């Protein structure tokens, strides 16, 4: 198993991509701390993991709150030991024309998508440095590669995550810690349905028209990603197979962007 004996923290683990990552990490032998804002969703993920024989700990946490993040990492250490792996997956997308986008929406996305990653990374770093080992994987997006309409706040955060990944990789490589990013294309989750619906409404076209024009049409493999597609890339970065890879942003997009 690729993560046998490791301890992993997965944020946004209550659904979608985060749930898929958590399940795959557990199948690969990791003991997993499930982080999210909704306890019921985390418990559901934990039950799925238990059915496959894995171990997990649900911890309800607001990743934008430094105190709560510190408590979450301490809970991880008490239950399983210090974290070897951190996957910063928590995030959201809210669409809007730039001239109409509320300041509160901008601030919310900056806090959840960027500040949350900063706080969680900071909270695990001292332990990883002390042990001279760590694997951090940030979930960016193809929207962190190329701007998309009605997505200025989200794109800003996802571009920012790639910069954060590269900067921290330069700092912590000397301690045996790697940090990489995964850039999914559109992933077949509830979030993408909401995102496409918002964009289509703003553009004045149907859901299917917008989906085909901006997502399926430009993708050589002709489909959206699944959460499992993304999870497999994360597991690779978290494993020993990727021990000499850091500061990298990997597209998981079916060829939608080739850079």
C-alpha atoms as a PDB file:
ATOM      1  CA  UNK A   1       0.000   0.000   0.000  1.00  0.00           C
ATOM      2  CA  UNK A   2       1.349   3.390  -1.040  1.00  0.00           C
ATOM      3  CA  UNK A   3       0.599   5.218   2.252  1.00  0.00           C
ATOM      4  CA  UNK A   4       0.944   2.363   4.738  1.00  0.00           C
ATOM      5  CA  UNK A   5       1.430   3.654   8.263  1.00  0.00           C
ATOM      6  CA  UNK A   6       1.104   7.321   7.337  1.00  0.00           C
ATOM      7  CA  UNK A   7      -1.165   9.861   9.019  1.00  0.00           C
ATOM      8  CA  UNK A   8      -3.060  12.158   6.653  1.00  0.00           C
ATOM      9  CA  UNK A   9      -5.182  15.261   7.188  1.00  0.00           C
ATOM     10  CA  UNK A  10      -7.711  15.901   4.404  1.00  0.00           C
ATOM     11  CA  UNK A  11      -9.681  19.159   4.435  1.00  0.00           C
ATOM     12  CA  UNK A  12     -13.064  19.402   2.753  1.00  0.00           C
ATOM     13  CA  UNK A  13     -13.453  15.665   3.311  1.00  0.00           C
ATOM     14  CA  UNK A  14     -17.223  15.614   3.684  1.00  0.00           C
ATOM     15  CA  UNK A  15     -18.063  15.288  -0.003  1.00  0.00           C
ATOM     16  CA  UNK A  16     -16.846  15.355  -3.594  1.00  0.00           C
ATOM     17  CA  UNK A  17     -13.116  15.446  -4.246  1.00  0.00           C
ATOM     18  CA  UNK A  18     -12.176  15.519  -0.558  1.00  0.00           C
ATOM     19  CA  UNK A  19     -14.225  12.435   0.211  1.00  0.00           C
ATOM     20  CA  UNK A  20     -12.654  10.566  -2.710  1.00  0.00           C
ATOM     21  CA  UNK A  21      -9.153  11.537  -1.562  1.00  0.00           C
ATOM     22  CA  UNK A  22      -9.886  10.439   1.997  1.00  0.00           C
ATOM     23  CA  UNK A  23     -11.245   7.072   0.876  1.00  0.00           C
ATOM     24  CA  UNK A  24      -8.271   6.431  -1.420  1.00  0.00           C
ATOM     25  CA  UNK A  25      -5.781   7.448   1.267  1.00  0.00           C
ATOM     26  CA  UNK A  26      -7.380   5.021   3.707  1.00  0.00           C
ATOM     27  CA  UNK A  27      -7.393   2.232   1.114  1.00  0.00           C
ATOM     28  CA  UNK A  28      -3.673   2.884   0.636  1.00  0.00           C
ATOM     29  CA  UNK A  29      -3.051   2.372   4.351  1.00  0.00           C
ATOM     30  CA  UNK A  30      -3.183   5.865   5.840  1.00  0.00           C
ATOM     31  CA  UNK A  31      -5.031   6.780   9.005  1.00  0.00           C
ATOM     32  CA  UNK A  32      -7.058   9.784   8.006  1.00  0.00           C
ATOM     33  CA  UNK A  33      -8.268  12.900   9.804  1.00  0.00           C
ATOM     34  CA  UNK A  34     -11.400  14.153   8.052  1.00  0.00           C
ATOM     35  CA  UNK A  35     -11.798  17.923   8.228  1.00  0.00           C
ATOM     36  CA  UNK A  36     -14.869  19.936   7.276  1.00  0.00           C
ATOM     37  CA  UNK A  37     -17.596  22.203   8.571  1.00  0.00           C
ATOM     38  CA  UNK A  38     -20.466  19.693   8.620  1.00  0.00           C
ATOM     39  CA  UNK A  39     -20.153  16.871  11.132  1.00  0.00           C
ATOM     40  CA  UNK A  40     -22.811  14.680   9.527  1.00  0.00           C
ATOM     41  CA  UNK A  41     -20.985  14.670   6.190  1.00  0.00           C
ATOM     42  CA  UNK A  42     -17.667  13.846   7.850  1.00  0.00           C
ATOM     43  CA  UNK A  43     -19.257  10.986   9.778  1.00  0.00           C
ATOM     44  CA  UNK A  44     -20.692   9.641   6.532  1.00  0.00           C
ATOM     45  CA  UNK A  45     -17.224   9.672   4.962  1.00  0.00           C
ATOM     46  CA  UNK A  46     -15.804   8.009   8.071  1.00  0.00           C
ATOM     47  CA  UNK A  47     -18.412   5.255   7.885  1.00  0.00           C
ATOM     48  CA  UNK A  48     -17.512   4.608   4.238  1.00  0.00           C
ATOM     49  CA  UNK A  49     -13.867   4.280   5.211  1.00  0.00           C
ATOM     50  CA  UNK A  50     -14.705   1.937   8.099  1.00  0.00           C
ATOM     51  CA  UNK A  51     -16.668  -0.325   5.753  1.00  0.00           C
ATOM     52  CA  UNK A  52     -13.437  -0.821   3.785  1.00  0.00           C
ATOM     53  CA  UNK A  53     -11.464  -1.557   6.955  1.00  0.00           C
ATOM     54  CA  UNK A  54      -9.816   1.867   7.256  1.00  0.00           C
ATOM     55  CA  UNK A  55      -9.307   4.194  10.214  1.00  0.00           C
ATOM     56  CA  UNK A  56     -10.427   7.803  10.314  1.00  0.00           C
ATOM     57  CA  UNK A  57     -11.249  10.621  12.700  1.00  0.00           C
ATOM     58  CA  UNK A  58     -13.899  13.243  11.812  1.00  0.00           C
ATOM     59  CA  UNK A  59     -13.017  16.699  13.157  1.00  0.00           C
ATOM     60  CA  UNK A  60     -15.408  19.561  12.522  1.00  0.00           C
ATOM     61  CA  UNK A  61     -13.232  22.578  11.761  1.00  0.00           C
ATOM     62  CA  UNK A  62     -13.422  26.002  10.165  1.00  0.00           C
ATOM     63  CA  UNK A  63     -10.105  26.166   8.310  1.00  0.00           C
ATOM     64  CA  UNK A  64     -10.255  29.980   8.267  1.00  0.00           C
ATOM     65  CA  UNK A  65     -10.015  30.051  12.093  1.00  0.00           C
ATOM     66  CA  UNK A  66      -6.434  29.657  13.328  1.00  0.00           C
ATOM     67  CA  UNK A  67      -7.491  28.457  16.769  1.00  0.00           C
ATOM     68  CA  UNK A  68      -9.756  25.764  15.339  1.00  0.00           C
ATOM     69  CA  UNK A  69      -7.042  24.629  12.936  1.00  0.00           C
ATOM     70  CA  UNK A  70      -4.543  24.345  15.805  1.00  0.00           C
ATOM     71  CA  UNK A  71      -7.050  22.269  17.780  1.00  0.00           C
ATOM     72  CA  UNK A  72      -7.637  20.013  14.767  1.00  0.00           C
ATOM     73  CA  UNK A  73      -3.938  19.263  14.330  1.00  0.00           C
ATOM     74  CA  UNK A  74      -3.658  18.569  18.062  1.00  0.00           C
ATOM     75  CA  UNK A  75      -6.593  16.137  17.815  1.00  0.00           C
ATOM     76  CA  UNK A  76      -4.785  14.379  14.974  1.00  0.00           C
ATOM     77  CA  UNK A  77      -1.645  14.026  17.101  1.00  0.00           C
ATOM     78  CA  UNK A  78      -3.607  12.643  20.056  1.00  0.00           C
ATOM     79  CA  UNK A  79      -5.489  10.069  17.998  1.00  0.00           C
ATOM     80  CA  UNK A  80      -2.965   8.940  15.390  1.00  0.00           C
ATOM     81  CA  UNK A  81       0.275  10.849  15.923  1.00  0.00           C
ATOM     82  CA  UNK A  82       1.668  13.863  14.069  1.00  0.00           C
ATOM     83  CA  UNK A  83       0.540  14.275  10.455  1.00  0.00           C
ATOM     84  CA  UNK A  84       2.781  13.042   7.657  1.00  0.00           C
ATOM     85  CA  UNK A  85       0.445  14.251   4.898  1.00  0.00           C
ATOM     86  CA  UNK A  86      -1.738  17.329   4.500  1.00  0.00           C
ATOM     87  CA  UNK A  87      -4.174  17.731   1.623  1.00  0.00           C
ATOM     88  CA  UNK A  88      -5.561  21.263   1.383  1.00  0.00           C
ATOM     89  CA  UNK A  89      -8.781  20.611  -0.497  1.00  0.00           C
ATOM     90  CA  UNK A  90     -11.351  22.814   1.257  1.00  0.00           C
ATOM     91  CA  UNK A  91     -12.675  25.492  -1.073  1.00  0.00           C
ATOM     92  CA  UNK A  92     -15.616  26.782  -3.043  1.00  0.00           C
ATOM     93  CA  UNK A  93     -16.564  28.825  -6.108  1.00  0.00           C
ATOM     94  CA  UNK A  94     -19.117  31.610  -6.382  1.00  0.00           C
ATOM     95  CA  UNK A  95     -19.710  33.165  -9.797  1.00  0.00           C
ATOM     96  CA  UNK A  96     -20.348  36.786 -10.656  1.00  0.00           C
ATOM     97  CA  UNK A  97     -19.611  39.532 -13.144  1.00  0.00           C
ATOM     98  CA  UNK A  98     -16.726  41.643 -11.872  1.00  0.00           C
ATOM     99  CA  UNK A  99     -18.873  44.786 -11.772  1.00  0.00           C
ATOM    100  CA  UNK A 100     -21.506  43.027  -9.660  1.00  0.00           C
ATOM    101  CA  UNK A 101     -19.382  40.806  -7.387  1.00  0.00           C
ATOM    102  CA  UNK A 102     -20.045  41.632  -3.724  1.00  0.00           C
ATOM    103  CA  UNK A 103     -17.006  42.431  -1.612  1.00  0.00           C
ATOM    104  CA  UNK A 104     -18.216  39.843   0.893  1.00  0.00           C
ATOM    105  CA  UNK A 105     -18.046  37.130  -1.789  1.00  0.00           C
ATOM    106  CA  UNK A 106     -14.481  38.105  -2.682  1.00  0.00           C
ATOM    107  CA  UNK A 107     -13.440  38.049   0.982  1.00  0.00           C
ATOM    108  CA  UNK A 108     -15.129  34.687   1.595  1.00  0.00           C
ATOM    109  CA  UNK A 109     -13.283  32.987  -1.258  1.00  0.00           C
ATOM    110  CA  UNK A 110      -9.949  34.520  -0.256  1.00  0.00           C
ATOM    111  CA  UNK A 111     -10.439  33.260   3.297  1.00  0.00           C
ATOM    112  CA  UNK A 112     -11.594  29.739   2.500  1.00  0.00           C
ATOM    113  CA  UNK A 113      -9.542  28.944  -0.600  1.00  0.00           C
ATOM    114  CA  UNK A 114      -6.300  30.748   0.308  1.00  0.00           C
ATOM    115  CA  UNK A 115      -6.137  31.599   4.000  1.00  0.00           C
ATOM    116  CA  UNK A 116      -7.368  28.141   4.964  1.00  0.00           C
ATOM    117  CA  UNK A 117      -4.513  26.552   3.037  1.00  0.00           C
ATOM    118  CA  UNK A 118      -2.021  28.923   4.682  1.00  0.00           C
ATOM    119  CA  UNK A 119      -3.302  28.210   8.198  1.00  0.00           C
ATOM    120  CA  UNK A 120      -3.382  24.434   7.787  1.00  0.00           C
ATOM    121  CA  UNK A 121       0.073  24.371   6.210  1.00  0.00           C
ATOM    122  CA  UNK A 122       1.474  26.552   8.962  1.00  0.00           C
ATOM    123  CA  UNK A 123      -0.118  24.374  11.645  1.00  0.00           C
ATOM    124  CA  UNK A 124       1.585  21.155  10.466  1.00  0.00           C
ATOM    125  CA  UNK A 125       4.930  22.677   9.486  1.00  0.00           C
ATOM    126  CA  UNK A 126       6.790  22.686  12.813  1.00  0.00           C
ATOM    127  CA  UNK A 127       6.115  19.002  13.323  1.00  0.00           C
ATOM    128  CA  UNK A 128       7.110  18.132   9.761  1.00  0.00           C
ATOM    129  CA  UNK A 129      10.327  20.151  10.040  1.00  0.00           C
ATOM    130  CA  UNK A 130      11.188  18.483  13.358  1.00  0.00           C
ATOM    131  CA  UNK A 131      10.733  15.040  11.819  1.00  0.00           C
ATOM    132  CA  UNK A 132      12.293  16.106   8.496  1.00  0.00           C
ATOM    133  CA  UNK A 133       9.409  14.590   6.583  1.00  0.00           C
ATOM    134  CA  UNK A 134       6.152  15.809   5.098  1.00  0.00           C
ATOM    135  CA  UNK A 135       3.928  15.653   2.045  1.00  0.00           C
ATOM    136  CA  UNK A 136       1.583  18.573   1.328  1.00  0.00           C
ATOM    137  CA  UNK A 137      -0.793  18.593  -1.631  1.00  0.00           C
ATOM    138  CA  UNK A 138      -2.854  21.657  -2.520  1.00  0.00           C
ATOM    139  CA  UNK A 139      -5.939  21.379  -4.710  1.00  0.00           C
ATOM    140  CA  UNK A 140      -5.748  24.217  -7.207  1.00  0.00           C
ATOM    141  CA  UNK A 141      -7.660  24.147 -10.511  1.00  0.00           C
ATOM    142  CA  UNK A 142      -7.373  24.706 -14.246  1.00  0.00           C
ATOM    143  CA  UNK A 143      -8.868  28.056 -13.228  1.00  0.00           C
ATOM    144  CA  UNK A 144      -5.485  28.606 -11.598  1.00  0.00           C
ATOM    145  CA  UNK A 145      -3.865  28.247 -15.025  1.00  0.00           C
ATOM    146  CA  UNK A 146      -6.178  30.275 -17.281  1.00  0.00           C
ATOM    147  CA  UNK A 147      -8.811  32.858 -16.434  1.00  0.00           C
ATOM    148  CA  UNK A 148     -12.458  31.931 -16.902  1.00  0.00           C
ATOM    149  CA  UNK A 149     -15.496  34.208 -17.268  1.00  0.00           C
ATOM    150  CA  UNK A 150     -17.447  35.199 -14.152  1.00  0.00           C
ATOM    151  CA  UNK A 151     -14.767  33.580 -11.989  1.00  0.00           C
ATOM    152  CA  UNK A 152     -12.421  36.420 -11.015  1.00  0.00           C
ATOM    153  CA  UNK A 153     -12.343  35.661  -7.278  1.00  0.00           C
ATOM    154  CA  UNK A 154     -12.033  31.904  -7.693  1.00  0.00           C
ATOM    155  CA  UNK A 155      -9.316  32.218 -10.352  1.00  0.00           C
ATOM    156  CA  UNK A 156      -7.377  34.596  -8.115  1.00  0.00           C
ATOM    157  CA  UNK A 157      -7.376  32.080  -5.279  1.00  0.00           C
ATOM    158  CA  UNK A 158      -6.405  29.152  -7.481  1.00  0.00           C
ATOM    159  CA  UNK A 159      -3.579  31.061  -9.215  1.00  0.00           C
ATOM    160  CA  UNK A 160      -2.517  32.050  -5.706  1.00  0.00           C
ATOM    161  CA  UNK A 161      -2.370  28.447  -4.537  1.00  0.00           C
ATOM    162  CA  UNK A 162       0.140  27.608  -7.258  1.00  0.00           C
ATOM    163  CA  UNK A 163       2.323  30.540  -6.216  1.00  0.00           C
ATOM    164  CA  UNK A 164       2.010  29.520  -2.568  1.00  0.00           C
ATOM    165  CA  UNK A 165       2.998  25.964  -3.481  1.00  0.00           C
ATOM    166  CA  UNK A 166       6.115  27.077  -5.319  1.00  0.00           C
ATOM    167  CA  UNK A 167       7.188  29.543  -2.629  1.00  0.00           C
ATOM    168  CA  UNK A 168       6.809  27.096   0.252  1.00  0.00           C
ATOM    169  CA  UNK A 169       8.549  24.347  -1.731  1.00  0.00           C
ATOM    170  CA  UNK A 170      11.602  26.618  -1.928  1.00  0.00           C
ATOM    171  CA  UNK A 171      11.564  27.114   1.841  1.00  0.00           C
ATOM    172  CA  UNK A 172      11.021  23.603   3.148  1.00  0.00           C
ATOM    173  CA  UNK A 173      12.743  21.299   0.684  1.00  0.00           C
ATOM    174  CA  UNK A 174      15.847  21.273   2.901  1.00  0.00           C
ATOM    175  CA  UNK A 175      13.795  19.478   5.557  1.00  0.00           C
ATOM    176  CA  UNK A 176      12.666  16.655   3.294  1.00  0.00           C
ATOM    177  CA  UNK A 177       9.185  18.157   2.883  1.00  0.00           C
ATOM    178  CA  UNK A 178       7.536  18.253  -0.529  1.00  0.00           C
ATOM    179  CA  UNK A 179       4.592  20.440  -1.511  1.00  0.00           C
ATOM    180  CA  UNK A 180       2.776  20.110  -4.813  1.00  0.00           C
ATOM    181  CA  UNK A 181      -0.507  21.177  -6.382  1.00  0.00           C
ATOM    182  CA  UNK A 182      -3.114  19.306  -8.385  1.00  0.00           C
ATOM    183  CA  UNK A 183      -5.061  21.297 -10.983  1.00  0.00           C
ATOM    184  CA  UNK A 184      -8.300  19.514 -11.871  1.00  0.00           C
ATOM    185  CA  UNK A 185     -10.398  20.450 -14.827  1.00  0.00           C
ATOM    186  CA  UNK A 186     -14.157  20.381 -14.257  1.00  0.00           C
ATOM    187  CA  UNK A 187     -14.954  17.533 -11.873  1.00  0.00           C
ATOM    188  CA  UNK A 188     -18.317  15.801 -11.803  1.00  0.00           C
ATOM    189  CA  UNK A 189     -19.489  16.954  -8.362  1.00  0.00           C
ATOM    190  CA  UNK A 190     -22.351  18.965  -6.902  1.00  0.00           C
ATOM    191  CA  UNK A 191     -20.083  22.017  -6.855  1.00  0.00           C
ATOM    192  CA  UNK A 192     -19.481  21.965 -10.616  1.00  0.00           C
ATOM    193  CA  UNK A 193     -23.212  21.647 -11.293  1.00  0.00           C
ATOM    194  CA  UNK A 194     -23.789  24.752  -9.164  1.00  0.00           C
ATOM    195  CA  UNK A 195     -20.868  26.540 -10.826  1.00  0.00           C
ATOM    196  CA  UNK A 196     -21.993  25.809 -14.384  1.00  0.00           C
ATOM    197  CA  UNK A 197     -25.569  26.757 -13.528  1.00  0.00           C
ATOM    198  CA  UNK A 198     -24.453  30.149 -12.184  1.00  0.00           C
ATOM    199  CA  UNK A 199     -22.243  30.856 -15.192  1.00  0.00           C
ATOM    200  CA  UNK A 200     -24.894  29.782 -17.690  1.00  0.00           C
ATOM    201  CA  UNK A 201     -27.463  32.047 -16.066  1.00  0.00           C
ATOM    202  CA  UNK A 202     -25.097  35.038 -16.161  1.00  0.00           C
ATOM    203  CA  UNK A 203     -24.189  34.307 -19.815  1.00  0.00           C
ATOM    204  CA  UNK A 204     -27.820  33.842 -20.812  1.00  0.00           C
ATOM    205  CA  UNK A 205     -27.382  30.321 -22.190  1.00  0.00           C
ATOM    206  CA  UNK A 206     -28.555  26.880 -21.103  1.00  0.00           C
ATOM    207  CA  UNK A 207     -26.667  24.676 -18.681  1.00  0.00           C
ATOM    208  CA  UNK A 208     -25.805  22.173 -21.422  1.00  0.00           C
ATOM    209  CA  UNK A 209     -24.668  24.894 -23.836  1.00  0.00           C
ATOM    210  CA  UNK A 210     -22.259  26.375 -21.304  1.00  0.00           C
ATOM    211  CA  UNK A 211     -21.002  22.951 -20.206  1.00  0.00           C
ATOM    212  CA  UNK A 212     -20.280  21.898 -23.793  1.00  0.00           C
ATOM    213  CA  UNK A 213     -18.712  25.203 -24.886  1.00  0.00           C
ATOM    214  CA  UNK A 214     -16.363  25.753 -21.981  1.00  0.00           C
ATOM    215  CA  UNK A 215     -15.799  22.324 -20.454  1.00  0.00           C
ATOM    216  CA  UNK A 216     -16.504  19.286 -22.635  1.00  0.00           C
ATOM    217  CA  UNK A 217     -15.689  20.773 -26.039  1.00  0.00           C
ATOM    218  CA  UNK A 218     -12.141  21.925 -25.149  1.00  0.00           C
ATOM    219  CA  UNK A 219     -11.303  18.598 -23.436  1.00  0.00           C
ATOM    220  CA  UNK A 220      -9.615  16.066 -25.765  1.00  0.00           C
ATOM    221  CA  UNK A 221     -10.755  13.127 -23.626  1.00  0.00           C
ATOM    222  CA  UNK A 222     -14.333  14.350 -24.005  1.00  0.00           C
ATOM    223  CA  UNK A 223     -15.598  14.174 -20.437  1.00  0.00           C
ATOM    224  CA  UNK A 224     -15.348  15.802 -17.037  1.00  0.00           C
ATOM    225  CA  UNK A 225     -13.015  14.361 -14.427  1.00  0.00           C
ATOM    226  CA  UNK A 226     -14.303  12.159 -11.646  1.00  0.00           C
ATOM    227  CA  UNK A 227     -13.323  12.726  -8.007  1.00  0.00           C
ATOM    228  CA  UNK A 228     -11.342   9.476  -8.222  1.00  0.00           C
ATOM    229  CA  UNK A 229      -9.264  10.864 -11.105  1.00  0.00           C
ATOM    230  CA  UNK A 230      -8.157  13.683  -8.822  1.00  0.00           C
ATOM    231  CA  UNK A 231      -7.686  11.444  -5.797  1.00  0.00           C
ATOM    232  CA  UNK A 232      -5.261   9.196  -7.642  1.00  0.00           C
ATOM    233  CA  UNK A 233      -3.022  12.153  -8.500  1.00  0.00           C
ATOM    234  CA  UNK A 234      -3.071  13.277  -4.864  1.00  0.00           C
ATOM    235  CA  UNK A 235      -2.115   9.815  -3.627  1.00  0.00           C
ATOM    236  CA  UNK A 236       0.837   9.788  -6.008  1.00  0.00           C
ATOM    237  CA  UNK A 237       2.143  13.114  -4.660  1.00  0.00           C
ATOM    238  CA  UNK A 238       1.632  11.890  -1.083  1.00  0.00           C
ATOM    239  CA  UNK A 239       3.544   8.670  -1.707  1.00  0.00           C
ATOM    240  CA  UNK A 240       7.228   7.786  -1.799  1.00  0.00           C
ATOM    241  CA  UNK A 241       6.960   7.497  -5.583  1.00  0.00           C
ATOM    242  CA  UNK A 242       6.979  11.316  -5.676  1.00  0.00           C
ATOM    243  CA  UNK A 243       9.777  11.911  -3.154  1.00  0.00           C
ATOM    244  CA  UNK A 244      11.843  13.938  -5.666  1.00  0.00           C
ATOM    245  CA  UNK A 245       8.959  16.070  -6.955  1.00  0.00           C
ATOM    246  CA  UNK A 246       8.168  19.398  -5.323  1.00  0.00           C
ATOM    247  CA  UNK A 247       6.817  22.792  -6.358  1.00  0.00           C
ATOM    248  CA  UNK A 248       4.918  21.148  -9.209  1.00  0.00           C
ATOM    249  CA  UNK A 249       1.367  21.845 -10.404  1.00  0.00           C
ATOM    250  CA  UNK A 250      -0.071  18.812 -12.193  1.00  0.00           C
ATOM    251  CA  UNK A 251      -3.007  19.127 -14.584  1.00  0.00           C
ATOM    252  CA  UNK A 252      -5.733  16.518 -14.171  1.00  0.00           C
ATOM    253  CA  UNK A 253      -7.893  17.884 -16.949  1.00  0.00           C
ATOM    254  CA  UNK A 254      -8.249  15.358 -19.741  1.00  0.00           C
ATOM    255  CA  UNK A 255      -5.940  17.538 -21.824  1.00  0.00           C
ATOM    256  CA  UNK A 256      -8.086  20.677 -21.542  1.00  0.00           C
ATOM    257  CA  UNK A 257      -4.939  22.671 -20.859  1.00  0.00           C
ATOM    258  CA  UNK A 258      -1.544  21.408 -21.975  1.00  0.00           C
ATOM    259  CA  UNK A 259       0.954  23.484 -20.012  1.00  0.00           C
END
